[in-house]
Amino acid sequence: MKKLLTLKKLIMIIVQETFICKPGNASKLANLFKEIMTDRTELIHILTDLTGEFNKVIMLSQYESISAYEQSYKEYMQNSEEVKKMKEKMKGYHEMYYSGSREIYHVW
């Protein structure tokens, strides 16, 4: 039983947010994300494409659980001073991409 509890503590989730950017904007968006997410402990990596679909930016974040992710989202929606500053820096970022998606993975 103790081994099972230990395994449950190790399980986490990865959130992958993918953006298909307008031409010439992938590196701009990646740099913007890197700048505004510097202090966010959940951020793992910001990736850009080398192969596959062009102009793709992927942001990977890691959380202990789905509830930890939900809590982080709630904090974002509360519009704290920190979040307001982040949103101010992000003004206009919607103009840099065509579409986006979010996938949540369970890490084993």
PDB file of N, CA and C in Angstrom:
ATOM      1  N   MET A   1       0.822  -1.192   0.000  1.00  0.00           N
ATOM      2  CA  MET A   1       0.000   0.000   0.000  1.00  0.00           C
ATOM      3  C   MET A   1       0.872   1.264   0.000  1.00  0.00           C
ATOM      4  N   LYS A   2       1.941   1.262   0.765  1.00  0.00           N
ATOM      5  CA  LYS A   2       2.814   2.430   0.832  1.00  0.00           C
ATOM      6  C   LYS A   2       3.415   2.759  -0.543  1.00  0.00           C
ATOM      7  N   LYS A   3       3.782   1.735  -1.307  1.00  0.00           N
ATOM      8  CA  LYS A   3       4.349   1.955  -2.630  1.00  0.00           C
ATOM      9  C   LYS A   3       3.341   2.671  -3.525  1.00  0.00           C
ATOM     10  N   LEU A   4       2.077   2.286  -3.466  1.00  0.00           N
ATOM     11  CA  LEU A   4       1.037   2.916  -4.269  1.00  0.00           C
ATOM     12  C   LEU A   4       0.909   4.396  -3.907  1.00  0.00           C
ATOM     13  N   LEU A   5       0.943   4.715  -2.643  1.00  0.00           N
ATOM     14  CA  LEU A   5       0.856   6.111  -2.217  1.00  0.00           C
ATOM     15  C   LEU A   5       2.046   6.911  -2.722  1.00  0.00           C
ATOM     16  N   THR A   6       3.216   6.320  -2.707  1.00  0.00           N
ATOM     17  CA  THR A   6       4.413   6.990  -3.203  1.00  0.00           C
ATOM     18  C   THR A   6       4.277   7.278  -4.693  1.00  0.00           C
ATOM     19  N   LEU A   7       3.771   6.324  -5.461  1.00  0.00           N
ATOM     20  CA  LEU A   7       3.578   6.532  -6.889  1.00  0.00           C
ATOM     21  C   LEU A   7       2.580   7.644  -7.147  1.00  0.00           C
ATOM     22  N   LYS A   8       1.508   7.699  -6.384  1.00  0.00           N
ATOM     23  CA  LYS A   8       0.500   8.737  -6.588  1.00  0.00           C
ATOM     24  C   LYS A   8       1.091  10.124  -6.383  1.00  0.00           C
ATOM     25  N   LYS A   9       2.028  10.269  -5.476  1.00  0.00           N
ATOM     26  CA  LYS A   9       2.649  11.563  -5.235  1.00  0.00           C
ATOM     27  C   LYS A   9       3.498  12.006  -6.421  1.00  0.00           C
ATOM     28  N   LEU A  10       4.039  11.074  -7.179  1.00  0.00           N
ATOM     29  CA  LEU A  10       4.917  11.399  -8.290  1.00  0.00           C
ATOM     30  C   LEU A  10       4.164  11.773  -9.561  1.00  0.00           C
ATOM     31  N   ILE A  11       2.909  11.401  -9.649  1.00  0.00           N
ATOM     32  CA  ILE A  11       2.136  11.647 -10.860  1.00  0.00           C
ATOM     33  C   ILE A  11       1.855  13.138 -10.997  1.00  0.00           C
ATOM     34  N   MET A  12       2.008  13.656 -12.193  1.00  0.00           N
ATOM     35  CA  MET A  12       1.764  15.066 -12.456  1.00  0.00           C
ATOM     36  C   MET A  12       1.125  15.229 -13.820  1.00  0.00           C
ATOM     37  N   ILE A  13       0.829  16.468 -14.176  1.00  0.00           N
ATOM     38  CA  ILE A  13       0.293  16.740 -15.502  1.00  0.00           C
ATOM     39  C   ILE A  13       1.183  17.750 -16.219  1.00  0.00           C
ATOM     40  N   ILE A  14       1.149  17.662 -17.545  1.00  0.00           N
ATOM     41  CA  ILE A  14       1.821  18.615 -18.422  1.00  0.00           C
ATOM     42  C   ILE A  14       0.733  19.286 -19.253  1.00  0.00           C
ATOM     43  N   VAL A  15       0.766  20.606 -19.310  1.00  0.00           N
ATOM     44  CA  VAL A  15      -0.170  21.368 -20.134  1.00  0.00           C
ATOM     45  C   VAL A  15       0.605  21.876 -21.340  1.00  0.00           C
ATOM     46  N   GLN A  16       0.104  21.530 -22.527  1.00  0.00           N
ATOM     47  CA  GLN A  16       0.738  21.961 -23.772  1.00  0.00           C
ATOM     48  C   GLN A  16      -0.196  22.937 -24.470  1.00  0.00           C
ATOM     49  N   GLU A  17       0.256  24.173 -24.623  1.00  0.00           N
ATOM     50  CA  GLU A  17      -0.515  25.180 -25.339  1.00  0.00           C
ATOM     51  C   GLU A  17       0.207  25.451 -26.652  1.00  0.00           C
ATOM     52  N   THR A  18      -0.499  25.229 -27.752  1.00  0.00           N
ATOM     53  CA  THR A  18       0.086  25.323 -29.086  1.00  0.00           C
ATOM     54  C   THR A  18      -0.528  26.499 -29.835  1.00  0.00           C
ATOM     55  N   PHE A  19       0.313  27.292 -30.457  1.00  0.00           N
ATOM     56  CA  PHE A  19      -0.129  28.452 -31.226  1.00  0.00           C
ATOM     57  C   PHE A  19       0.426  28.339 -32.642  1.00  0.00           C
ATOM     58  N   ILE A  20      -0.435  28.500 -33.635  1.00  0.00           N
ATOM     59  CA  ILE A  20      -0.010  28.565 -35.030  1.00  0.00           C
ATOM     60  C   ILE A  20       0.025  30.050 -35.383  1.00  0.00           C
ATOM     61  N   CYS A  21       1.228  30.562 -35.547  1.00  0.00           N
ATOM     62  CA  CYS A  21       1.425  32.003 -35.703  1.00  0.00           C
ATOM     63  C   CYS A  21       1.319  32.454 -37.154  1.00  0.00           C
ATOM     64  N   LYS A  22       1.058  33.724 -37.304  1.00  0.00           N
ATOM     65  CA  LYS A  22       1.120  34.349 -38.611  1.00  0.00           C
ATOM     66  C   LYS A  22       2.595  34.410 -39.010  1.00  0.00           C
ATOM     67  N   PRO A  23       2.895  34.346 -40.317  1.00  0.00           N
ATOM     68  CA  PRO A  23       4.295  34.379 -40.751  1.00  0.00           C
ATOM     69  C   PRO A  23       5.046  35.567 -40.145  1.00  0.00           C
ATOM     70  N   GLY A  24       6.255  35.278 -39.660  1.00  0.00           N
ATOM     71  CA  GLY A  24       7.098  36.306 -39.072  1.00  0.00           C
ATOM     72  C   GLY A  24       6.831  36.591 -37.601  1.00  0.00           C
ATOM     73  N   ASN A  25       5.881  35.873 -37.000  1.00  0.00           N
ATOM     74  CA  ASN A  25       5.519  36.162 -35.614  1.00  0.00           C
ATOM     75  C   ASN A  25       5.871  35.068 -34.613  1.00  0.00           C
ATOM     76  N   ALA A  26       6.304  33.901 -35.067  1.00  0.00           N
ATOM     77  CA  ALA A  26       6.571  32.797 -34.132  1.00  0.00           C
ATOM     78  C   ALA A  26       7.667  33.169 -33.133  1.00  0.00           C
ATOM     79  N   SER A  27       8.770  33.696 -33.618  1.00  0.00           N
ATOM     80  CA  SER A  27       9.853  34.046 -32.684  1.00  0.00           C
ATOM     81  C   SER A  27       9.455  35.213 -31.789  1.00  0.00           C
ATOM     82  N   LYS A  28       8.663  36.140 -32.307  1.00  0.00           N
ATOM     83  CA  LYS A  28       8.185  37.261 -31.487  1.00  0.00           C
ATOM     84  C   LYS A  28       7.306  36.752 -30.349  1.00  0.00           C
ATOM     85  N   LEU A  29       6.390  35.832 -30.680  1.00  0.00           N
ATOM     86  CA  LEU A  29       5.497  35.285 -29.655  1.00  0.00           C
ATOM     87  C   LEU A  29       6.279  34.453 -28.643  1.00  0.00           C
ATOM     88  N   ALA A  30       7.216  33.650 -29.117  1.00  0.00           N
ATOM     89  CA  ALA A  30       8.042  32.841 -28.211  1.00  0.00           C
ATOM     90  C   ALA A  30       8.827  33.740 -27.254  1.00  0.00           C
ATOM     91  N   ASN A  31       9.408  34.808 -27.772  1.00  0.00           N
ATOM     92  CA  ASN A  31      10.148  35.744 -26.917  1.00  0.00           C
ATOM     93  C   ASN A  31       9.237  36.443 -25.917  1.00  0.00           C
ATOM     94  N   LEU A  32       8.033  36.794 -26.352  1.00  0.00           N
ATOM     95  CA  LEU A  32       7.069  37.422 -25.449  1.00  0.00           C
ATOM     96  C   LEU A  32       6.702  36.472 -24.317  1.00  0.00           C
ATOM     97  N   PHE A  33       6.383  35.224 -24.659  1.00  0.00           N
ATOM     98  CA  PHE A  33       6.055  34.234 -23.630  1.00  0.00           C
ATOM     99  C   PHE A  33       7.232  34.043 -22.670  1.00  0.00           C
ATOM    100  N   LYS A  34       8.426  33.964 -23.224  1.00  0.00           N
ATOM    101  CA  LYS A  34       9.616  33.768 -22.384  1.00  0.00           C
ATOM    102  C   LYS A  34       9.785  34.932 -21.407  1.00  0.00           C
ATOM    103  N   GLU A  35       9.558  36.134 -21.897  1.00  0.00           N
ATOM    104  CA  GLU A  35       9.694  37.324 -21.057  1.00  0.00           C
ATOM    105  C   GLU A  35       8.648  37.356 -19.940  1.00  0.00           C
ATOM    106  N   ILE A  36       7.393  37.122 -20.284  1.00  0.00           N
ATOM    107  CA  ILE A  36       6.341  37.277 -19.270  1.00  0.00           C
ATOM    108  C   ILE A  36       6.238  36.086 -18.332  1.00  0.00           C
ATOM    109  N   MET A  37       6.763  34.941 -18.737  1.00  0.00           N
ATOM    110  CA  MET A  37       6.645  33.739 -17.905  1.00  0.00           C
ATOM    111  C   MET A  37       7.915  33.455 -17.101  1.00  0.00           C
ATOM    112  N   THR A  38       8.866  34.353 -17.105  1.00  0.00           N
ATOM    113  CA  THR A  38      10.150  34.140 -16.434  1.00  0.00           C
ATOM    114  C   THR A  38       9.994  33.724 -14.979  1.00  0.00           C
ATOM    115  N   ASP A  39       9.093  34.352 -14.264  1.00  0.00           N
ATOM    116  CA  ASP A  39       8.933  34.077 -12.832  1.00  0.00           C
ATOM    117  C   ASP A  39       7.926  32.974 -12.531  1.00  0.00           C
ATOM    118  N   ARG A  40       7.312  32.409 -13.539  1.00  0.00           N
ATOM    119  CA  ARG A  40       6.297  31.371 -13.323  1.00  0.00           C
ATOM    120  C   ARG A  40       6.987  30.025 -13.129  1.00  0.00           C
ATOM    121  N   THR A  41       6.821  29.439 -11.964  1.00  0.00           N
ATOM    122  CA  THR A  41       7.514  28.184 -11.645  1.00  0.00           C
ATOM    123  C   THR A  41       6.981  26.997 -12.433  1.00  0.00           C
ATOM    124  N   GLU A  42       5.749  27.080 -12.917  1.00  0.00           N
ATOM    125  CA  GLU A  42       5.177  25.942 -13.633  1.00  0.00           C
ATOM    126  C   GLU A  42       5.678  25.823 -15.077  1.00  0.00           C
ATOM    127  N   LEU A  43       6.253  26.876 -15.629  1.00  0.00           N
ATOM    128  CA  LEU A  43       6.726  26.839 -17.013  1.00  0.00           C
ATOM    129  C   LEU A  43       7.926  25.917 -17.141  1.00  0.00           C
ATOM    130  N   ILE A  44       7.867  25.011 -18.112  1.00  0.00           N
ATOM    131  CA  ILE A  44       8.990  24.112 -18.371  1.00  0.00           C
ATOM    132  C   ILE A  44       9.792  24.612 -19.566  1.00  0.00           C
ATOM    133  N   HIS A  45       9.104  24.747 -20.713  1.00  0.00           N
ATOM    134  CA  HIS A  45       9.792  25.110 -21.956  1.00  0.00           C
ATOM    135  C   HIS A  45       8.873  25.912 -22.860  1.00  0.00           C
ATOM    136  N   ILE A  46       9.496  26.711 -23.709  1.00  0.00           N
ATOM    137  CA  ILE A  46       8.820  27.329 -24.840  1.00  0.00           C
ATOM    138  C   ILE A  46       9.546  26.809 -26.067  1.00  0.00           C
ATOM    139  N   LEU A  47       8.796  26.218 -26.986  1.00  0.00           N
ATOM    140  CA  LEU A  47       9.374  25.550 -28.151  1.00  0.00           C
ATOM    141  C   LEU A  47       8.914  26.228 -29.438  1.00  0.00           C
ATOM    142  N   THR A  48       9.760  26.209 -30.461  1.00  0.00           N
ATOM    143  CA  THR A  48       9.356  26.598 -31.808  1.00  0.00           C
ATOM    144  C   THR A  48       9.692  25.446 -32.749  1.00  0.00           C
ATOM    145  N   ASP A  49       9.010  25.431 -33.884  1.00  0.00           N
ATOM    146  CA  ASP A  49       9.141  24.298 -34.800  1.00  0.00           C
ATOM    147  C   ASP A  49      10.488  24.270 -35.515  1.00  0.00           C
ATOM    148  N   LEU A  50      10.977  23.068 -35.733  1.00  0.00           N
ATOM    149  CA  LEU A  50      12.099  22.830 -36.643  1.00  0.00           C
ATOM    150  C   LEU A  50      11.607  22.064 -37.861  1.00  0.00           C
ATOM    151  N   THR A  51      10.605  21.217 -37.641  1.00  0.00           N
ATOM    152  CA  THR A  51       9.973  20.458 -38.720  1.00  0.00           C
ATOM    153  C   THR A  51       8.469  20.484 -38.480  1.00  0.00           C
ATOM    154  N   GLY A  52       7.727  19.969 -39.445  1.00  0.00           N
ATOM    155  CA  GLY A  52       6.275  19.927 -39.295  1.00  0.00           C
ATOM    156  C   GLY A  52       5.640  21.238 -39.713  1.00  0.00           C
ATOM    157  N   GLU A  53       4.484  21.509 -39.134  1.00  0.00           N
ATOM    158  CA  GLU A  53       3.747  22.725 -39.463  1.00  0.00           C
ATOM    159  C   GLU A  53       4.585  23.962 -39.129  1.00  0.00           C
ATOM    160  N   PHE A  54       4.601  24.917 -40.065  1.00  0.00           N
ATOM    161  CA  PHE A  54       5.395  26.131 -39.891  1.00  0.00           C
ATOM    162  C   PHE A  54       4.781  27.065 -38.855  1.00  0.00           C
ATOM    163  N   ASN A  55       5.617  27.940 -38.304  1.00  0.00           N
ATOM    164  CA  ASN A  55       5.177  29.030 -37.430  1.00  0.00           C
ATOM    165  C   ASN A  55       4.456  28.551 -36.177  1.00  0.00           C
ATOM    166  N   LYS A  56       4.935  27.470 -35.604  1.00  0.00           N
ATOM    167  CA  LYS A  56       4.302  26.894 -34.418  1.00  0.00           C
ATOM    168  C   LYS A  56       5.114  27.232 -33.172  1.00  0.00           C
ATOM    169  N   VAL A  57       4.405  27.673 -32.129  1.00  0.00           N
ATOM    170  CA  VAL A  57       5.005  27.925 -30.814  1.00  0.00           C
ATOM    171  C   VAL A  57       4.261  27.061 -29.810  1.00  0.00           C
ATOM    172  N   ILE A  58       5.018  26.357 -28.980  1.00  0.00           N
ATOM    173  CA  ILE A  58       4.416  25.497 -27.956  1.00  0.00           C
ATOM    174  C   ILE A  58       4.948  25.928 -26.597  1.00  0.00           C
ATOM    175  N   MET A  59       4.031  26.099 -25.668  1.00  0.00           N
ATOM    176  CA  MET A  59       4.408  26.418 -24.294  1.00  0.00           C
ATOM    177  C   MET A  59       4.039  25.222 -23.428  1.00  0.00           C
ATOM    178  N   LEU A  60       5.034  24.665 -22.731  1.00  0.00           N
ATOM    179  CA  LEU A  60       4.817  23.520 -21.850  1.00  0.00           C
ATOM    180  C   LEU A  60       4.897  23.966 -20.397  1.00  0.00           C
ATOM    181  N   SER A  61       3.885  23.582 -19.634  1.00  0.00           N
ATOM    182  CA  SER A  61       3.853  23.876 -18.202  1.00  0.00           C
ATOM    183  C   SER A  61       3.598  22.588 -17.446  1.00  0.00           C
ATOM    184  N   GLN A  62       4.083  22.533 -16.231  1.00  0.00           N
ATOM    185  CA  GLN A  62       3.971  21.326 -15.401  1.00  0.00           C
ATOM    186  C   GLN A  62       3.271  21.678 -14.091  1.00  0.00           C
ATOM    187  N   TYR A  63       2.338  20.823 -13.685  1.00  0.00           N
ATOM    188  CA  TYR A  63       1.602  21.008 -12.433  1.00  0.00           C
ATOM    189  C   TYR A  63       1.556  19.684 -11.685  1.00  0.00           C
ATOM    190  N   GLU A  64       1.415  19.762 -10.377  1.00  0.00           N
ATOM    191  CA  GLU A  64       1.343  18.550  -9.563  1.00  0.00           C
ATOM    192  C   GLU A  64       0.077  17.748  -9.831  1.00  0.00           C
ATOM    193  N   SER A  65      -1.004  18.449 -10.197  1.00  0.00           N
ATOM    194  CA  SER A  65      -2.290  17.784 -10.407  1.00  0.00           C
ATOM    195  C   SER A  65      -3.185  18.688 -11.239  1.00  0.00           C
ATOM    196  N   ILE A  66      -4.305  18.141 -11.676  1.00  0.00           N
ATOM    197  CA  ILE A  66      -5.271  18.947 -12.420  1.00  0.00           C
ATOM    198  C   ILE A  66      -5.842  20.036 -11.518  1.00  0.00           C
ATOM    199  N   SER A  67      -5.997  19.741 -10.240  1.00  0.00           N
ATOM    200  CA  SER A  67      -6.514  20.763  -9.318  1.00  0.00           C
ATOM    201  C   SER A  67      -5.499  21.899  -9.137  1.00  0.00           C
ATOM    202  N   ALA A  68      -4.210  21.596  -9.170  1.00  0.00           N
ATOM    203  CA  ALA A  68      -3.182  22.644  -9.099  1.00  0.00           C
ATOM    204  C   ALA A  68      -3.252  23.532 -10.340  1.00  0.00           C
ATOM    205  N   TYR A  69      -3.492  22.928 -11.505  1.00  0.00           N
ATOM    206  CA  TYR A  69      -3.662  23.700 -12.738  1.00  0.00           C
ATOM    207  C   TYR A  69      -4.891  24.591 -12.636  1.00  0.00           C
ATOM    208  N   GLU A  70      -6.007  24.026 -12.160  1.00  0.00           N
ATOM    209  CA  GLU A  70      -7.238  24.800 -12.015  1.00  0.00           C
ATOM    210  C   GLU A  70      -7.040  25.965 -11.049  1.00  0.00           C
ATOM    211  N   GLN A  71      -6.310  25.741  -9.969  1.00  0.00           N
ATOM    212  CA  GLN A  71      -6.034  26.807  -9.004  1.00  0.00           C
ATOM    213  C   GLN A  71      -5.207  27.915  -9.650  1.00  0.00           C
ATOM    214  N   SER A  72      -4.227  27.547 -10.442  1.00  0.00           N
ATOM    215  CA  SER A  72      -3.402  28.524 -11.143  1.00  0.00           C
ATOM    216  C   SER A  72      -4.264  29.358 -12.094  1.00  0.00           C
ATOM    217  N   TYR A  73      -5.203  28.700 -12.780  1.00  0.00           N
ATOM    218  CA  TYR A  73      -6.100  29.396 -13.703  1.00  0.00           C
ATOM    219  C   TYR A  73      -7.007  30.363 -12.940  1.00  0.00           C
ATOM    220  N   LYS A  74      -7.515  29.934 -11.795  1.00  0.00           N
ATOM    221  CA  LYS A  74      -8.361  30.809 -10.968  1.00  0.00           C
ATOM    222  C   LYS A  74      -7.584  32.045 -10.529  1.00  0.00           C
ATOM    223  N   GLU A  75      -6.342  31.849 -10.130  1.00  0.00           N
ATOM    224  CA  GLU A  75      -5.498  32.976  -9.720  1.00  0.00           C
ATOM    225  C   GLU A  75      -5.288  33.945 -10.879  1.00  0.00           C
ATOM    226  N   TYR A  76      -5.119  33.399 -12.083  1.00  0.00           N
ATOM    227  CA  TYR A  76      -4.961  34.234 -13.272  1.00  0.00           C
ATOM    228  C   TYR A  76      -6.215  35.066 -13.512  1.00  0.00           C
ATOM    229  N   MET A  77      -7.373  34.463 -13.311  1.00  0.00           N
ATOM    230  CA  MET A  77      -8.641  35.143 -13.557  1.00  0.00           C
ATOM    231  C   MET A  77      -8.971  36.184 -12.483  1.00  0.00           C
ATOM    232  N   GLN A  78      -8.307  36.144 -11.337  1.00  0.00           N
ATOM    233  CA  GLN A  78      -8.581  37.103 -10.265  1.00  0.00           C
ATOM    234  C   GLN A  78      -7.960  38.472 -10.523  1.00  0.00           C
ATOM    235  N   ASN A  79      -7.133  38.579 -11.523  1.00  0.00           N
ATOM    236  CA  ASN A  79      -6.561  39.857 -11.944  1.00  0.00           C
ATOM    237  C   ASN A  79      -5.745  40.556 -10.858  1.00  0.00           C
ATOM    238  N   SER A  80      -4.823  39.844 -10.247  1.00  0.00           N
ATOM    239  CA  SER A  80      -3.921  40.449  -9.265  1.00  0.00           C
ATOM    240  C   SER A  80      -3.033  41.476  -9.977  1.00  0.00           C
ATOM    241  N   GLU A  81      -2.296  42.248  -9.216  1.00  0.00           N
ATOM    242  CA  GLU A  81      -1.385  43.234  -9.812  1.00  0.00           C
ATOM    243  C   GLU A  81      -0.373  42.554 -10.739  1.00  0.00           C
ATOM    244  N   GLU A  82       0.129  41.403 -10.312  1.00  0.00           N
ATOM    245  CA  GLU A  82       1.084  40.650 -11.131  1.00  0.00           C
ATOM    246  C   GLU A  82       0.451  40.245 -12.462  1.00  0.00           C
ATOM    247  N   VAL A  83      -0.781  39.760 -12.399  1.00  0.00           N
ATOM    248  CA  VAL A  83      -1.484  39.333 -13.614  1.00  0.00           C
ATOM    249  C   VAL A  83      -1.799  40.539 -14.496  1.00  0.00           C
ATOM    250  N   LYS A  84      -2.171  41.648 -13.903  1.00  0.00           N
ATOM    251  CA  LYS A  84      -2.447  42.860 -14.684  1.00  0.00           C
ATOM    252  C   LYS A  84      -1.207  43.302 -15.454  1.00  0.00           C
ATOM    253  N   LYS A  85      -0.042  43.239 -14.810  1.00  0.00           N
ATOM    254  CA  LYS A  85       1.213  43.602 -15.480  1.00  0.00           C
ATOM    255  C   LYS A  85       1.502  42.645 -16.631  1.00  0.00           C
ATOM    256  N   MET A  86       1.255  41.361 -16.399  1.00  0.00           N
ATOM    257  CA  MET A  86       1.487  40.359 -17.430  1.00  0.00           C
ATOM    258  C   MET A  86       0.552  40.604 -18.619  1.00  0.00           C
ATOM    259  N   LYS A  87      -0.729  40.869 -18.342  1.00  0.00           N
ATOM    260  CA  LYS A  87      -1.698  41.123 -19.415  1.00  0.00           C
ATOM    261  C   LYS A  87      -1.335  42.386 -20.193  1.00  0.00           C
ATOM    262  N   GLU A  88      -0.823  43.386 -19.494  1.00  0.00           N
ATOM    263  CA  GLU A  88      -0.405  44.621 -20.157  1.00  0.00           C
ATOM    264  C   GLU A  88       0.722  44.337 -21.151  1.00  0.00           C
ATOM    265  N   LYS A  89       1.695  43.528 -20.757  1.00  0.00           N
ATOM    266  CA  LYS A  89       2.796  43.164 -21.656  1.00  0.00           C
ATOM    267  C   LYS A  89       2.304  42.333 -22.836  1.00  0.00           C
ATOM    268  N   MET A  90       1.218  41.593 -22.630  1.00  0.00           N
ATOM    269  CA  MET A  90       0.708  40.698 -23.669  1.00  0.00           C
ATOM    270  C   MET A  90      -0.277  41.381 -24.613  1.00  0.00           C
ATOM    271  N   LYS A  91      -0.579  42.637 -24.383  1.00  0.00           N
ATOM    272  CA  LYS A  91      -1.542  43.339 -25.233  1.00  0.00           C
ATOM    273  C   LYS A  91      -1.198  43.144 -26.703  1.00  0.00           C
ATOM    274  N   GLY A  92      -2.178  42.731 -27.475  1.00  0.00           N
ATOM    275  CA  GLY A  92      -1.989  42.557 -28.907  1.00  0.00           C
ATOM    276  C   GLY A  92      -1.443  41.205 -29.323  1.00  0.00           C
ATOM    277  N   TYR A  93      -1.170  40.317 -28.367  1.00  0.00           N
ATOM    278  CA  TYR A  93      -0.576  39.030 -28.753  1.00  0.00           C
ATOM    279  C   TYR A  93      -1.539  38.186 -29.579  1.00  0.00           C
ATOM    280  N   HIS A  94      -2.838  38.423 -29.438  1.00  0.00           N
ATOM    281  CA  HIS A  94      -3.819  37.683 -30.246  1.00  0.00           C
ATOM    282  C   HIS A  94      -3.641  37.959 -31.743  1.00  0.00           C
ATOM    283  N   GLU A  95      -3.068  39.087 -32.065  1.00  0.00           N
ATOM    284  CA  GLU A  95      -2.842  39.443 -33.464  1.00  0.00           C
ATOM    285  C   GLU A  95      -1.661  38.683 -34.074  1.00  0.00           C
ATOM    286  N   MET A  96      -0.884  37.977 -33.244  1.00  0.00           N
ATOM    287  CA  MET A  96       0.307  37.276 -33.728  1.00  0.00           C
ATOM    288  C   MET A  96       0.024  35.862 -34.213  1.00  0.00           C
ATOM    289  N   TYR A  97      -1.154  35.316 -33.924  1.00  0.00           N
ATOM    290  CA  TYR A  97      -1.401  33.923 -34.299  1.00  0.00           C
ATOM    291  C   TYR A  97      -2.789  33.731 -34.906  1.00  0.00           C
ATOM    292  N   TYR A  98      -2.908  32.645 -35.700  1.00  0.00           N
ATOM    293  CA  TYR A  98      -4.175  32.286 -36.328  1.00  0.00           C
ATOM    294  C   TYR A  98      -5.058  31.473 -35.398  1.00  0.00           C
ATOM    295  N   SER A  99      -4.452  30.468 -34.766  1.00  0.00           N
ATOM    296  CA  SER A  99      -5.238  29.562 -33.926  1.00  0.00           C
ATOM    297  C   SER A  99      -4.368  29.009 -32.807  1.00  0.00           C
ATOM    298  N   GLY A 100      -5.034  28.416 -31.843  1.00  0.00           N
ATOM    299  CA  GLY A 100      -4.314  27.817 -30.728  1.00  0.00           C
ATOM    300  C   GLY A 100      -5.110  26.678 -30.131  1.00  0.00           C
ATOM    301  N   SER A 101      -4.434  25.870 -29.346  1.00  0.00           N
ATOM    302  CA  SER A 101      -5.115  24.754 -28.678  1.00  0.00           C
ATOM    303  C   SER A 101      -4.396  24.453 -27.372  1.00  0.00           C
ATOM    304  N   ARG A 102      -5.116  23.774 -26.492  1.00  0.00           N
ATOM    305  CA  ARG A 102      -4.539  23.368 -25.202  1.00  0.00           C
ATOM    306  C   ARG A 102      -4.802  21.882 -25.023  1.00  0.00           C
ATOM    307  N   GLU A 103      -3.750  21.163 -24.667  1.00  0.00           N
ATOM    308  CA  GLU A 103      -3.869  19.738 -24.364  1.00  0.00           C
ATOM    309  C   GLU A 103      -3.259  19.510 -22.992  1.00  0.00           C
ATOM    310  N   ILE A 104      -3.880  18.626 -22.218  1.00  0.00           N
ATOM    311  CA  ILE A 104      -3.384  18.315 -20.882  1.00  0.00           C
ATOM    312  C   ILE A 104      -3.053  16.833 -20.840  1.00  0.00           C
ATOM    313  N   TYR A 105      -1.819  16.536 -20.443  1.00  0.00           N
ATOM    314  CA  TYR A 105      -1.340  15.158 -20.416  1.00  0.00           C
ATOM    315  C   TYR A 105      -1.055  14.720 -18.989  1.00  0.00           C
ATOM    316  N   HIS A 106      -1.326  13.484 -18.733  1.00  0.00           N
ATOM    317  CA  HIS A 106      -1.037  12.849 -17.454  1.00  0.00           C
ATOM    318  C   HIS A 106       0.326  12.183 -17.571  1.00  0.00           C
ATOM    319  N   VAL A 107       1.264  12.529 -16.699  1.00  0.00           N
ATOM    320  CA  VAL A 107       2.612  11.959 -16.737  1.00  0.00           C
ATOM    321  C   VAL A 107       2.644  10.727 -15.844  1.00  0.00           C
ATOM    322  N   TRP A 108       3.186   9.641 -16.365  1.00  0.00           N
ATOM    323  CA  TRP A 108       3.257   8.379 -15.597  1.00  0.00           C
ATOM    324  C   TRP A 108       4.646   8.158 -15.111  1.00  0.00           C
TER     325      TRP A 108
END
